Amino acid sequence: VQAEPLTPQERRIVELVADGGTNREIAAALHLGEKTLERRLTAL
């Protein structure tokens, strides 16, 4: 699989997930809606 580079925001989402953040906590930290974060996680 040809790995696509992650954007800075995608890297931040991965870091927050790795730190054990919930969707609600990650969304708040990135000033996103929870549904938006869920869509971005699915894409990630």
PDB file of all heavy atoms in Angstrom:
ATOM      1  N   VAL A   1       0.858  -1.178   0.000  1.00  0.00           N
ATOM      2  CA  VAL A   1       0.000   0.000   0.000  1.00  0.00           C
ATOM      3  C   VAL A   1       0.897   1.231   0.000  1.00  0.00           C
ATOM      4  O   VAL A   1       1.822   1.339   0.798  1.00  0.00           O
ATOM      5  CB  VAL A   1      -0.903   0.006   1.254  1.00  0.00           C
ATOM      6  CG1 VAL A   1      -1.744   1.261   1.302  1.00  0.00           C
ATOM      7  CG2 VAL A   1      -1.764  -1.235   1.278  1.00  0.00           C
ATOM      8  N   GLN A   2       0.641   2.122  -0.922  1.00  0.00           N
ATOM      9  CA  GLN A   2       1.399   3.363  -0.972  1.00  0.00           C
ATOM     10  C   GLN A   2       0.866   4.281   0.116  1.00  0.00           C
ATOM     11  O   GLN A   2      -0.264   4.745   0.053  1.00  0.00           O
ATOM     12  CB  GLN A   2       1.257   4.040  -2.349  1.00  0.00           C
ATOM     13  CG  GLN A   2       1.804   3.223  -3.484  1.00  0.00           C
ATOM     14  CD  GLN A   2       3.291   2.975  -3.339  1.00  0.00           C
ATOM     15  OE1 GLN A   2       4.042   3.852  -2.932  1.00  0.00           O
ATOM     16  NE2 GLN A   2       3.718   1.766  -3.657  1.00  0.00           N
ATOM     17  N   ALA A   3       1.675   4.498   1.110  1.00  0.00           N
ATOM     18  CA  ALA A   3       1.247   5.319   2.236  1.00  0.00           C
ATOM     19  C   ALA A   3       1.154   6.786   1.819  1.00  0.00           C
ATOM     20  O   ALA A   3       2.084   7.332   1.253  1.00  0.00           O
ATOM     21  CB  ALA A   3       2.216   5.170   3.396  1.00  0.00           C
ATOM     22  N   GLU A   4       0.005   7.359   2.097  1.00  0.00           N
ATOM     23  CA  GLU A   4      -0.168   8.786   1.855  1.00  0.00           C
ATOM     24  C   GLU A   4       0.284   9.519   3.111  1.00  0.00           C
ATOM     25  O   GLU A   4      -0.021   9.089   4.217  1.00  0.00           O
ATOM     26  CB  GLU A   4      -1.644   9.111   1.604  1.00  0.00           C
ATOM     27  CG  GLU A   4      -2.229   8.474   0.369  1.00  0.00           C
ATOM     28  CD  GLU A   4      -3.701   8.817   0.239  1.00  0.00           C
ATOM     29  OE1 GLU A   4      -4.048  10.006   0.366  1.00  0.00           O
ATOM     30  OE2 GLU A   4      -4.484   7.891   0.036  1.00  0.00           O
ATOM     31  N   PRO A   5       1.002  10.605   2.936  1.00  0.00           N
ATOM     32  CA  PRO A   5       1.416  11.340   4.133  1.00  0.00           C
ATOM     33  C   PRO A   5       0.205  11.931   4.849  1.00  0.00           C
ATOM     34  O   PRO A   5      -0.771  12.350   4.217  1.00  0.00           O
ATOM     35  CB  PRO A   5       2.325  12.437   3.581  1.00  0.00           C
ATOM     36  CG  PRO A   5       1.989  12.550   2.141  1.00  0.00           C
ATOM     37  CD  PRO A   5       1.446  11.221   1.705  1.00  0.00           C
ATOM     38  N   LEU A   6       0.268  11.933   6.163  1.00  0.00           N
ATOM     39  CA  LEU A   6      -0.818  12.507   6.951  1.00  0.00           C
ATOM     40  C   LEU A   6      -0.655  14.018   7.026  1.00  0.00           C
ATOM     41  O   LEU A   6       0.460  14.525   7.106  1.00  0.00           O
ATOM     42  CB  LEU A   6      -0.810  11.924   8.361  1.00  0.00           C
ATOM     43  CG  LEU A   6      -1.030  10.421   8.497  1.00  0.00           C
ATOM     44  CD1 LEU A   6      -0.988  10.020   9.964  1.00  0.00           C
ATOM     45  CD2 LEU A   6      -2.339  10.001   7.873  1.00  0.00           C
ATOM     46  N   THR A   7      -1.781  14.697   7.047  1.00  0.00           N
ATOM     47  CA  THR A   7      -1.758  16.144   7.222  1.00  0.00           C
ATOM     48  C   THR A   7      -1.424  16.434   8.685  1.00  0.00           C
ATOM     49  O   THR A   7      -1.546  15.545   9.538  1.00  0.00           O
ATOM     50  CB  THR A   7      -3.129  16.764   6.886  1.00  0.00           C
ATOM     51  OG1 THR A   7      -4.086  16.287   7.846  1.00  0.00           O
ATOM     52  CG2 THR A   7      -3.582  16.408   5.467  1.00  0.00           C
ATOM     53  N   PRO A   8      -1.030  17.657   9.005  1.00  0.00           N
ATOM     54  CA  PRO A   8      -0.751  17.970  10.413  1.00  0.00           C
ATOM     55  C   PRO A   8      -1.942  17.676  11.327  1.00  0.00           C
ATOM     56  O   PRO A   8      -1.752  17.159  12.435  1.00  0.00           O
ATOM     57  CB  PRO A   8      -0.418  19.463  10.380  1.00  0.00           C
ATOM     58  CG  PRO A   8       0.135  19.681   9.010  1.00  0.00           C
ATOM     59  CD  PRO A   8      -0.666  18.766   8.118  1.00  0.00           C
ATOM     60  N   GLN A   9      -3.160  17.996  10.876  1.00  0.00           N
ATOM     61  CA  GLN A   9      -4.320  17.726  11.721  1.00  0.00           C
ATOM     62  C   GLN A   9      -4.559  16.220  11.880  1.00  0.00           C
ATOM     63  O   GLN A   9      -4.892  15.755  12.964  1.00  0.00           O
ATOM     64  CB  GLN A   9      -5.587  18.394  11.185  1.00  0.00           C
ATOM     65  CG  GLN A   9      -6.745  18.245  12.174  1.00  0.00           C
ATOM     66  CD  GLN A   9      -7.978  18.993  11.788  1.00  0.00           C
ATOM     67  OE1 GLN A   9      -8.407  18.896  10.649  1.00  0.00           O
ATOM     68  NE2 GLN A   9      -8.545  19.730  12.722  1.00  0.00           N
ATOM     69  N   GLU A  10      -4.339  15.450  10.821  1.00  0.00           N
ATOM     70  CA  GLU A  10      -4.488  14.000  10.932  1.00  0.00           C
ATOM     71  C   GLU A  10      -3.462  13.426  11.906  1.00  0.00           C
ATOM     72  O   GLU A  10      -3.786  12.564  12.712  1.00  0.00           O
ATOM     73  CB  GLU A  10      -4.333  13.348   9.554  1.00  0.00           C
ATOM     74  CG  GLU A  10      -5.506  13.602   8.628  1.00  0.00           C
ATOM     75  CD  GLU A  10      -5.266  13.141   7.213  1.00  0.00           C
ATOM     76  OE1 GLU A  10      -4.092  13.068   6.783  1.00  0.00           O
ATOM     77  OE2 GLU A  10      -6.259  12.846   6.520  1.00  0.00           O
ATOM     78  N   ARG A  11      -2.236  13.931  11.841  1.00  0.00           N
ATOM     79  CA  ARG A  11      -1.215  13.468  12.783  1.00  0.00           C
ATOM     80  C   ARG A  11      -1.622  13.794  14.216  1.00  0.00           C
ATOM     81  O   ARG A  11      -1.433  13.003  15.133  1.00  0.00           O
ATOM     82  CB  ARG A  11       0.147  14.105  12.462  1.00  0.00           C
ATOM     83  CG  ARG A  11       0.880  13.396  11.336  1.00  0.00           C
ATOM     84  CD  ARG A  11       2.337  13.806  11.268  1.00  0.00           C
ATOM     85  NE  ARG A  11       2.529  15.220  11.040  1.00  0.00           N
ATOM     86  CZ  ARG A  11       2.564  15.803   9.851  1.00  0.00           C
ATOM     87  NH1 ARG A  11       2.418  15.078   8.764  1.00  0.00           N
ATOM     88  NH2 ARG A  11       2.747  17.101   9.735  1.00  0.00           N
ATOM     89  N   ARG A  12      -2.198  14.968  14.413  1.00  0.00           N
ATOM     90  CA  ARG A  12      -2.646  15.374  15.756  1.00  0.00           C
ATOM     91  C   ARG A  12      -3.772  14.461  16.253  1.00  0.00           C
ATOM     92  O   ARG A  12      -3.793  14.062  17.411  1.00  0.00           O
ATOM     93  CB  ARG A  12      -3.102  16.845  15.722  1.00  0.00           C
ATOM     94  CG  ARG A  12      -3.497  17.374  17.050  1.00  0.00           C
ATOM     95  CD  ARG A  12      -2.294  17.561  17.967  1.00  0.00           C
ATOM     96  NE  ARG A  12      -2.766  18.090  19.246  1.00  0.00           N
ATOM     97  CZ  ARG A  12      -2.407  17.610  20.423  1.00  0.00           C
ATOM     98  NH1 ARG A  12      -1.532  16.647  20.498  1.00  0.00           N
ATOM     99  NH2 ARG A  12      -2.903  18.111  21.516  1.00  0.00           N
ATOM    100  N   ILE A  13      -4.700  14.107  15.358  1.00  0.00           N
ATOM    101  CA  ILE A  13      -5.789  13.197  15.724  1.00  0.00           C
ATOM    102  C   ILE A  13      -5.211  11.851  16.147  1.00  0.00           C
ATOM    103  O   ILE A  13      -5.594  11.296  17.175  1.00  0.00           O
ATOM    104  CB  ILE A  13      -6.798  13.029  14.562  1.00  0.00           C
ATOM    105  CG1 ILE A  13      -7.585  14.330  14.345  1.00  0.00           C
ATOM    106  CG2 ILE A  13      -7.756  11.861  14.836  1.00  0.00           C
ATOM    107  CD1 ILE A  13      -8.452  14.329  13.095  1.00  0.00           C
ATOM    108  N   VAL A  14      -4.264  11.328  15.373  1.00  0.00           N
ATOM    109  CA  VAL A  14      -3.642  10.045  15.705  1.00  0.00           C
ATOM    110  C   VAL A  14      -2.952  10.133  17.067  1.00  0.00           C
ATOM    111  O   VAL A  14      -3.073   9.219  17.889  1.00  0.00           O
ATOM    112  CB  VAL A  14      -2.656   9.602  14.602  1.00  0.00           C
ATOM    113  CG1 VAL A  14      -1.861   8.381  15.033  1.00  0.00           C
ATOM    114  CG2 VAL A  14      -3.395   9.317  13.303  1.00  0.00           C
ATOM    115  N   GLU A  15      -2.247  11.215  17.319  1.00  0.00           N
ATOM    116  CA  GLU A  15      -1.573  11.390  18.614  1.00  0.00           C
ATOM    117  C   GLU A  15      -2.574  11.395  19.761  1.00  0.00           C
ATOM    118  O   GLU A  15      -2.351  10.757  20.798  1.00  0.00           O
ATOM    119  CB  GLU A  15      -0.779  12.695  18.636  1.00  0.00           C
ATOM    120  CG  GLU A  15       0.446  12.688  17.758  1.00  0.00           C
ATOM    121  CD  GLU A  15       1.051  14.082  17.598  1.00  0.00           C
ATOM    122  OE1 GLU A  15       0.572  15.044  18.247  1.00  0.00           O
ATOM    123  OE2 GLU A  15       2.009  14.204  16.822  1.00  0.00           O
ATOM    124  N   LEU A  16      -3.681  12.116  19.575  1.00  0.00           N
ATOM    125  CA  LEU A  16      -4.695  12.193  20.632  1.00  0.00           C
ATOM    126  C   LEU A  16      -5.374  10.848  20.851  1.00  0.00           C
ATOM    127  O   LEU A  16      -5.691  10.484  21.989  1.00  0.00           O
ATOM    128  CB  LEU A  16      -5.709  13.293  20.314  1.00  0.00           C
ATOM    129  CG  LEU A  16      -5.144  14.722  20.373  1.00  0.00           C
ATOM    130  CD1 LEU A  16      -6.137  15.724  19.792  1.00  0.00           C
ATOM    131  CD2 LEU A  16      -4.776  15.091  21.798  1.00  0.00           C
ATOM    132  N   VAL A  17      -5.590  10.102  19.770  1.00  0.00           N
ATOM    133  CA  VAL A  17      -6.153   8.749  19.897  1.00  0.00           C
ATOM    134  C   VAL A  17      -5.165   7.867  20.659  1.00  0.00           C
ATOM    135  O   VAL A  17      -5.547   7.135  21.571  1.00  0.00           O
ATOM    136  CB  VAL A  17      -6.471   8.149  18.508  1.00  0.00           C
ATOM    137  CG1 VAL A  17      -6.725   6.648  18.601  1.00  0.00           C
ATOM    138  CG2 VAL A  17      -7.671   8.842  17.883  1.00  0.00           C
ATOM    139  N   ALA A  18      -3.885   7.961  20.300  1.00  0.00           N
ATOM    140  CA  ALA A  18      -2.857   7.151  20.969  1.00  0.00           C
ATOM    141  C   ALA A  18      -2.747   7.493  22.452  1.00  0.00           C
ATOM    142  O   ALA A  18      -2.421   6.635  23.270  1.00  0.00           O
ATOM    143  CB  ALA A  18      -1.509   7.340  20.281  1.00  0.00           C
ATOM    144  N   ASP A  19      -3.026   8.752  22.799  1.00  0.00           N
ATOM    145  CA  ASP A  19      -2.988   9.170  24.204  1.00  0.00           C
ATOM    146  C   ASP A  19      -4.231   8.722  24.978  1.00  0.00           C
ATOM    147  O   ASP A  19      -4.337   8.978  26.172  1.00  0.00           O
ATOM    148  CB  ASP A  19      -2.848  10.689  24.311  1.00  0.00           C
ATOM    149  CG  ASP A  19      -1.463  11.164  23.919  1.00  0.00           C
ATOM    150  OD1 ASP A  19      -0.523  10.344  23.911  1.00  0.00           O
ATOM    151  OD2 ASP A  19      -1.321  12.365  23.614  1.00  0.00           O
ATOM    152  N   GLY A  20      -5.184   8.096  24.269  1.00  0.00           N
ATOM    153  CA  GLY A  20      -6.371   7.566  24.942  1.00  0.00           C
ATOM    154  C   GLY A  20      -7.544   8.525  25.004  1.00  0.00           C
ATOM    155  O   GLY A  20      -8.493   8.287  25.752  1.00  0.00           O
ATOM    156  N   GLY A  21      -7.508   9.593  24.210  1.00  0.00           N
ATOM    157  CA  GLY A  21      -8.607  10.549  24.217  1.00  0.00           C
ATOM    158  C   GLY A  21      -9.886   9.968  23.630  1.00  0.00           C
ATOM    159  O   GLY A  21      -9.847   9.175  22.697  1.00  0.00           O
ATOM    160  N   THR A  22     -11.009  10.364  24.196  1.00  0.00           N
ATOM    161  CA  THR A  22     -12.305   9.957  23.645  1.00  0.00           C
ATOM    162  C   THR A  22     -12.616  10.857  22.457  1.00  0.00           C
ATOM    163  O   THR A  22     -11.990  11.911  22.264  1.00  0.00           O
ATOM    164  CB  THR A  22     -13.422  10.112  24.688  1.00  0.00           C
ATOM    165  OG1 THR A  22     -13.560  11.500  25.012  1.00  0.00           O
ATOM    166  CG2 THR A  22     -13.133   9.303  25.948  1.00  0.00           C
ATOM    167  N   ASN A  23     -13.603  10.466  21.662  1.00  0.00           N
ATOM    168  CA  ASN A  23     -13.999  11.304  20.533  1.00  0.00           C
ATOM    169  C   ASN A  23     -14.397  12.699  21.015  1.00  0.00           C
ATOM    170  O   ASN A  23     -14.032  13.702  20.397  1.00  0.00           O
ATOM    171  CB  ASN A  23     -15.153  10.664  19.765  1.00  0.00           C
ATOM    172  CG  ASN A  23     -14.683   9.552  18.863  1.00  0.00           C
ATOM    173  OD1 ASN A  23     -13.504   9.189  18.854  1.00  0.00           O
ATOM    174  ND2 ASN A  23     -15.599   8.983  18.108  1.00  0.00           N
ATOM    175  N   ARG A  24     -15.125  12.763  22.103  1.00  0.00           N
ATOM    176  CA  ARG A  24     -15.569  14.057  22.627  1.00  0.00           C
ATOM    177  C   ARG A  24     -14.373  14.919  23.018  1.00  0.00           C
ATOM    178  O   ARG A  24     -14.309  16.100  22.701  1.00  0.00           O
ATOM    179  CB  ARG A  24     -16.497  13.844  23.822  1.00  0.00           C
ATOM    180  CG  ARG A  24     -16.972  15.157  24.444  1.00  0.00           C
ATOM    181  CD  ARG A  24     -18.030  14.932  25.473  1.00  0.00           C
ATOM    182  NE  ARG A  24     -19.250  14.596  24.736  1.00  0.00           N
ATOM    183  CZ  ARG A  24     -20.309  14.006  25.254  1.00  0.00           C
ATOM    184  NH1 ARG A  24     -20.322  13.665  26.519  1.00  0.00           N
ATOM    185  NH2 ARG A  24     -21.362  13.760  24.535  1.00  0.00           N
ATOM    186  N   GLU A  25     -13.398  14.329  23.704  1.00  0.00           N
ATOM    187  CA  GLU A  25     -12.213  15.079  24.138  1.00  0.00           C
ATOM    188  C   GLU A  25     -11.373  15.538  22.950  1.00  0.00           C
ATOM    189  O   GLU A  25     -10.906  16.684  22.915  1.00  0.00           O
ATOM    190  CB  GLU A  25     -11.348  14.202  25.062  1.00  0.00           C
ATOM    191  CG  GLU A  25     -11.997  13.881  26.388  1.00  0.00           C
ATOM    192  CD  GLU A  25     -11.292  12.777  27.150  1.00  0.00           C
ATOM    193  OE1 GLU A  25     -10.475  12.027  26.555  1.00  0.00           O
ATOM    194  OE2 GLU A  25     -11.574  12.650  28.360  1.00  0.00           O
ATOM    195  N   ILE A  26     -11.203  14.658  21.978  1.00  0.00           N
ATOM    196  CA  ILE A  26     -10.405  15.006  20.796  1.00  0.00           C
ATOM    197  C   ILE A  26     -11.096  16.101  20.001  1.00  0.00           C
ATOM    198  O   ILE A  26     -10.464  17.069  19.569  1.00  0.00           O
ATOM    199  CB  ILE A  26     -10.147  13.756  19.931  1.00  0.00           C
ATOM    200  CG1 ILE A  26      -9.293  12.751  20.707  1.00  0.00           C
ATOM    201  CG2 ILE A  26      -9.471  14.129  18.617  1.00  0.00           C
ATOM    202  CD1 ILE A  26      -9.203  11.381  20.055  1.00  0.00           C
ATOM    203  N   ALA A  27     -12.405  15.961  19.818  1.00  0.00           N
ATOM    204  CA  ALA A  27     -13.161  16.971  19.071  1.00  0.00           C
ATOM    205  C   ALA A  27     -13.050  18.331  19.751  1.00  0.00           C
ATOM    206  O   ALA A  27     -12.838  19.354  19.092  1.00  0.00           O
ATOM    207  CB  ALA A  27     -14.621  16.551  18.944  1.00  0.00           C
ATOM    208  N   ALA A  28     -13.160  18.356  21.063  1.00  0.00           N
ATOM    209  CA  ALA A  28     -13.054  19.621  21.798  1.00  0.00           C
ATOM    210  C   ALA A  28     -11.656  20.213  21.664  1.00  0.00           C
ATOM    211  O   ALA A  28     -11.514  21.426  21.448  1.00  0.00           O
ATOM    212  CB  ALA A  28     -13.399  19.400  23.272  1.00  0.00           C
ATOM    213  N   ALA A  29     -10.636  19.373  21.756  1.00  0.00           N
ATOM    214  CA  ALA A  29      -9.261  19.861  21.665  1.00  0.00           C
ATOM    215  C   ALA A  29      -8.964  20.456  20.284  1.00  0.00           C
ATOM    216  O   ALA A  29      -8.179  21.390  20.172  1.00  0.00           O
ATOM    217  CB  ALA A  29      -8.279  18.736  21.960  1.00  0.00           C
ATOM    218  N   LEU A  30      -9.613  19.928  19.257  1.00  0.00           N
ATOM    219  CA  LEU A  30      -9.359  20.394  17.887  1.00  0.00           C
ATOM    220  C   LEU A  30     -10.431  21.360  17.383  1.00  0.00           C
ATOM    221  O   LEU A  30     -10.397  21.754  16.222  1.00  0.00           O
ATOM    222  CB  LEU A  30      -9.256  19.189  16.943  1.00  0.00           C
ATOM    223  CG  LEU A  30      -8.123  18.213  17.252  1.00  0.00           C
ATOM    224  CD1 LEU A  30      -8.209  16.999  16.340  1.00  0.00           C
ATOM    225  CD2 LEU A  30      -6.782  18.903  17.121  1.00  0.00           C
ATOM    226  N   HIS A  31     -11.367  21.710  18.254  1.00  0.00           N
ATOM    227  CA  HIS A  31     -12.466  22.617  17.898  1.00  0.00           C
ATOM    228  C   HIS A  31     -13.256  22.085  16.701  1.00  0.00           C
ATOM    229  O   HIS A  31     -13.531  22.799  15.749  1.00  0.00           O
ATOM    230  CB  HIS A  31     -11.939  24.028  17.608  1.00  0.00           C
ATOM    231  CG  HIS A  31     -11.099  24.575  18.717  1.00  0.00           C
ATOM    232  ND1 HIS A  31     -11.628  24.947  19.930  1.00  0.00           N
ATOM    233  CD2 HIS A  31      -9.760  24.782  18.813  1.00  0.00           C
ATOM    234  CE1 HIS A  31     -10.664  25.369  20.723  1.00  0.00           C
ATOM    235  NE2 HIS A  31      -9.512  25.272  20.070  1.00  0.00           N
ATOM    236  N   LEU A  32     -13.608  20.793  16.792  1.00  0.00           N
ATOM    237  CA  LEU A  32     -14.402  20.133  15.760  1.00  0.00           C
ATOM    238  C   LEU A  32     -15.673  19.584  16.389  1.00  0.00           C
ATOM    239  O   LEU A  32     -15.722  19.345  17.597  1.00  0.00           O
ATOM    240  CB  LEU A  32     -13.637  18.942  15.156  1.00  0.00           C
ATOM    241  CG  LEU A  32     -12.323  19.197  14.457  1.00  0.00           C
ATOM    242  CD1 LEU A  32     -11.647  17.866  14.118  1.00  0.00           C
ATOM    243  CD2 LEU A  32     -12.545  20.008  13.200  1.00  0.00           C
ATOM    244  N   GLY A  33     -16.671  19.349  15.556  1.00  0.00           N
ATOM    245  CA  GLY A  33     -17.849  18.642  16.021  1.00  0.00           C
ATOM    246  C   GLY A  33     -17.528  17.157  16.119  1.00  0.00           C
ATOM    247  O   GLY A  33     -16.634  16.659  15.429  1.00  0.00           O
ATOM    248  N   GLU A  34     -18.254  16.445  16.967  1.00  0.00           N
ATOM    249  CA  GLU A  34     -17.994  15.014  17.123  1.00  0.00           C
ATOM    250  C   GLU A  34     -18.237  14.244  15.829  1.00  0.00           C
ATOM    251  O   GLU A  34     -17.485  13.328  15.502  1.00  0.00           O
ATOM    252  CB  GLU A  34     -18.844  14.431  18.250  1.00  0.00           C
ATOM    253  CG  GLU A  34     -18.304  14.773  19.628  1.00  0.00           C
ATOM    254  CD  GLU A  34     -19.067  14.083  20.738  1.00  0.00           C
ATOM    255  OE1 GLU A  34     -19.037  12.837  20.784  1.00  0.00           O
ATOM    256  OE2 GLU A  34     -19.696  14.800  21.527  1.00  0.00           O
ATOM    257  N   LYS A  35     -19.279  14.596  15.103  1.00  0.00           N
ATOM    258  CA  LYS A  35     -19.570  13.913  13.831  1.00  0.00           C
ATOM    259  C   LYS A  35     -18.449  14.166  12.818  1.00  0.00           C
ATOM    260  O   LYS A  35     -18.066  13.276  12.072  1.00  0.00           O
ATOM    261  CB  LYS A  35     -20.917  14.358  13.248  1.00  0.00           C
ATOM    262  CG  LYS A  35     -22.096  13.895  14.037  1.00  0.00           C
ATOM    263  CD  LYS A  35     -22.245  12.399  13.913  1.00  0.00           C
ATOM    264  CE  LYS A  35     -23.483  11.941  14.664  1.00  0.00           C
ATOM    265  NZ  LYS A  35     -23.611  10.498  14.674  1.00  0.00           N
ATOM    266  N   THR A  36     -17.931  15.385  12.790  1.00  0.00           N
ATOM    267  CA  THR A  36     -16.823  15.705  11.895  1.00  0.00           C
ATOM    268  C   THR A  36     -15.613  14.853  12.254  1.00  0.00           C
ATOM    269  O   THR A  36     -14.953  14.280  11.384  1.00  0.00           O
ATOM    270  CB  THR A  36     -16.463  17.201  11.973  1.00  0.00           C
ATOM    271  OG1 THR A  36     -17.613  17.960  11.607  1.00  0.00           O
ATOM    272  CG2 THR A  36     -15.296  17.541  11.070  1.00  0.00           C
ATOM    273  N   LEU A  37     -15.324  14.750  13.545  1.00  0.00           N
ATOM    274  CA  LEU A  37     -14.198  13.927  13.988  1.00  0.00           C
ATOM    275  C   LEU A  37     -14.424  12.467  13.599  1.00  0.00           C
ATOM    276  O   LEU A  37     -13.505  11.805  13.121  1.00  0.00           O
ATOM    277  CB  LEU A  37     -13.991  14.035  15.498  1.00  0.00           C
ATOM    278  CG  LEU A  37     -12.885  13.125  16.022  1.00  0.00           C
ATOM    279  CD1 LEU A  37     -11.522  13.576  15.505  1.00  0.00           C
ATOM    280  CD2 LEU A  37     -12.905  13.048  17.515  1.00  0.00           C
ATOM    281  N   GLU A  38     -15.638  11.958  13.764  1.00  0.00           N
ATOM    282  CA  GLU A  38     -15.923  10.571  13.400  1.00  0.00           C
ATOM    283  C   GLU A  38     -15.670  10.330  11.916  1.00  0.00           C
ATOM    284  O   GLU A  38     -15.092   9.304  11.539  1.00  0.00           O
ATOM    285  CB  GLU A  38     -17.370  10.212  13.757  1.00  0.00           C
ATOM    286  CG  GLU A  38     -17.602  10.090  15.245  1.00  0.00           C
ATOM    287  CD  GLU A  38     -19.068   9.966  15.612  1.00  0.00           C
ATOM    288  OE1 GLU A  38     -19.912   9.750  14.715  1.00  0.00           O
ATOM    289  OE2 GLU A  38     -19.378  10.074  16.822  1.00  0.00           O
ATOM    290  N   ARG A  39     -16.073  11.277  11.067  1.00  0.00           N
ATOM    291  CA  ARG A  39     -15.820  11.146   9.628  1.00  0.00           C
ATOM    292  C   ARG A  39     -14.322  11.168   9.338  1.00  0.00           C
ATOM    293  O   ARG A  39     -13.827  10.402   8.518  1.00  0.00           O
ATOM    294  CB  ARG A  39     -16.539  12.244   8.850  1.00  0.00           C
ATOM    295  CG  ARG A  39     -18.034  12.005   8.710  1.00  0.00           C
ATOM    296  CD  ARG A  39     -18.674  12.965   7.735  1.00  0.00           C
ATOM    297  NE  ARG A  39     -18.559  14.353   8.154  1.00  0.00           N
ATOM    298  CZ  ARG A  39     -19.409  14.987   8.941  1.00  0.00           C
ATOM    299  NH1 ARG A  39     -20.467  14.363   9.409  1.00  0.00           N
ATOM    300  NH2 ARG A  39     -19.231  16.251   9.260  1.00  0.00           N
ATOM    301  N   ARG A  40     -13.603  12.032  10.033  1.00  0.00           N
ATOM    302  CA  ARG A  40     -12.147  12.112   9.820  1.00  0.00           C
ATOM    303  C   ARG A  40     -11.452  10.850  10.314  1.00  0.00           C
ATOM    304  O   ARG A  40     -10.489  10.397   9.706  1.00  0.00           O
ATOM    305  CB  ARG A  40     -11.579  13.354  10.483  1.00  0.00           C
ATOM    306  CG  ARG A  40     -12.094  14.595   9.768  1.00  0.00           C
ATOM    307  CD  ARG A  40     -11.269  15.793   9.988  1.00  0.00           C
ATOM    308  NE  ARG A  40     -11.861  16.904   9.249  1.00  0.00           N
ATOM    309  CZ  ARG A  40     -11.648  18.153   9.534  1.00  0.00           C
ATOM    310  NH1 ARG A  40     -10.848  18.481  10.510  1.00  0.00           N
ATOM    311  NH2 ARG A  40     -12.212  19.101   8.808  1.00  0.00           N
ATOM    312  N   LEU A  41     -11.921  10.288  11.418  1.00  0.00           N
ATOM    313  CA  LEU A  41     -11.353   9.031  11.905  1.00  0.00           C
ATOM    314  C   LEU A  41     -11.583   7.904  10.897  1.00  0.00           C
ATOM    315  O   LEU A  41     -10.673   7.112  10.623  1.00  0.00           O
ATOM    316  CB  LEU A  41     -11.956   8.655  13.262  1.00  0.00           C
ATOM    317  CG  LEU A  41     -11.367   9.350  14.473  1.00  0.00           C
ATOM    318  CD1 LEU A  41     -12.223   9.097  15.710  1.00  0.00           C
ATOM    319  CD2 LEU A  41      -9.938   8.919  14.716  1.00  0.00           C
ATOM    320  N   THR A  42     -12.791   7.836  10.345  1.00  0.00           N
ATOM    321  CA  THR A  42     -13.097   6.814   9.346  1.00  0.00           C
ATOM    322  C   THR A  42     -12.168   6.958   8.146  1.00  0.00           C
ATOM    323  O   THR A  42     -11.621   5.968   7.654  1.00  0.00           O
ATOM    324  CB  THR A  42     -14.568   6.908   8.905  1.00  0.00           C
ATOM    325  OG1 THR A  42     -15.402   6.707  10.049  1.00  0.00           O
ATOM    326  CG2 THR A  42     -14.905   5.883   7.844  1.00  0.00           C
ATOM    327  N   ALA A  43     -11.972   8.178   7.691  1.00  0.00           N
ATOM    328  CA  ALA A  43     -11.066   8.424   6.569  1.00  0.00           C
ATOM    329  C   ALA A  43      -9.624   8.064   6.943  1.00  0.00           C
ATOM    330  O   ALA A  43      -8.877   7.522   6.124  1.00  0.00           O
ATOM    331  CB  ALA A  43     -11.155   9.884   6.126  1.00  0.00           C
ATOM    332  N   LEU A  44      -9.246   8.347   8.178  1.00  0.00           N
ATOM    333  CA  LEU A  44      -7.900   8.013   8.645  1.00  0.00           C
ATOM    334  C   LEU A  44      -7.689   6.502   8.689  1.00  0.00           C
ATOM    335  O   LEU A  44      -6.608   6.015   8.348  1.00  0.00           O
ATOM    336  CB  LEU A  44      -7.671   8.581  10.047  1.00  0.00           C
ATOM    337  CG  LEU A  44      -6.937   9.900  10.129  1.00  0.00           C
ATOM    338  CD1 LEU A  44      -6.975  10.450  11.542  1.00  0.00           C
ATOM    339  CD2 LEU A  44      -5.525   9.777   9.650  1.00  0.00           C
TER     340      LEU A  44
END
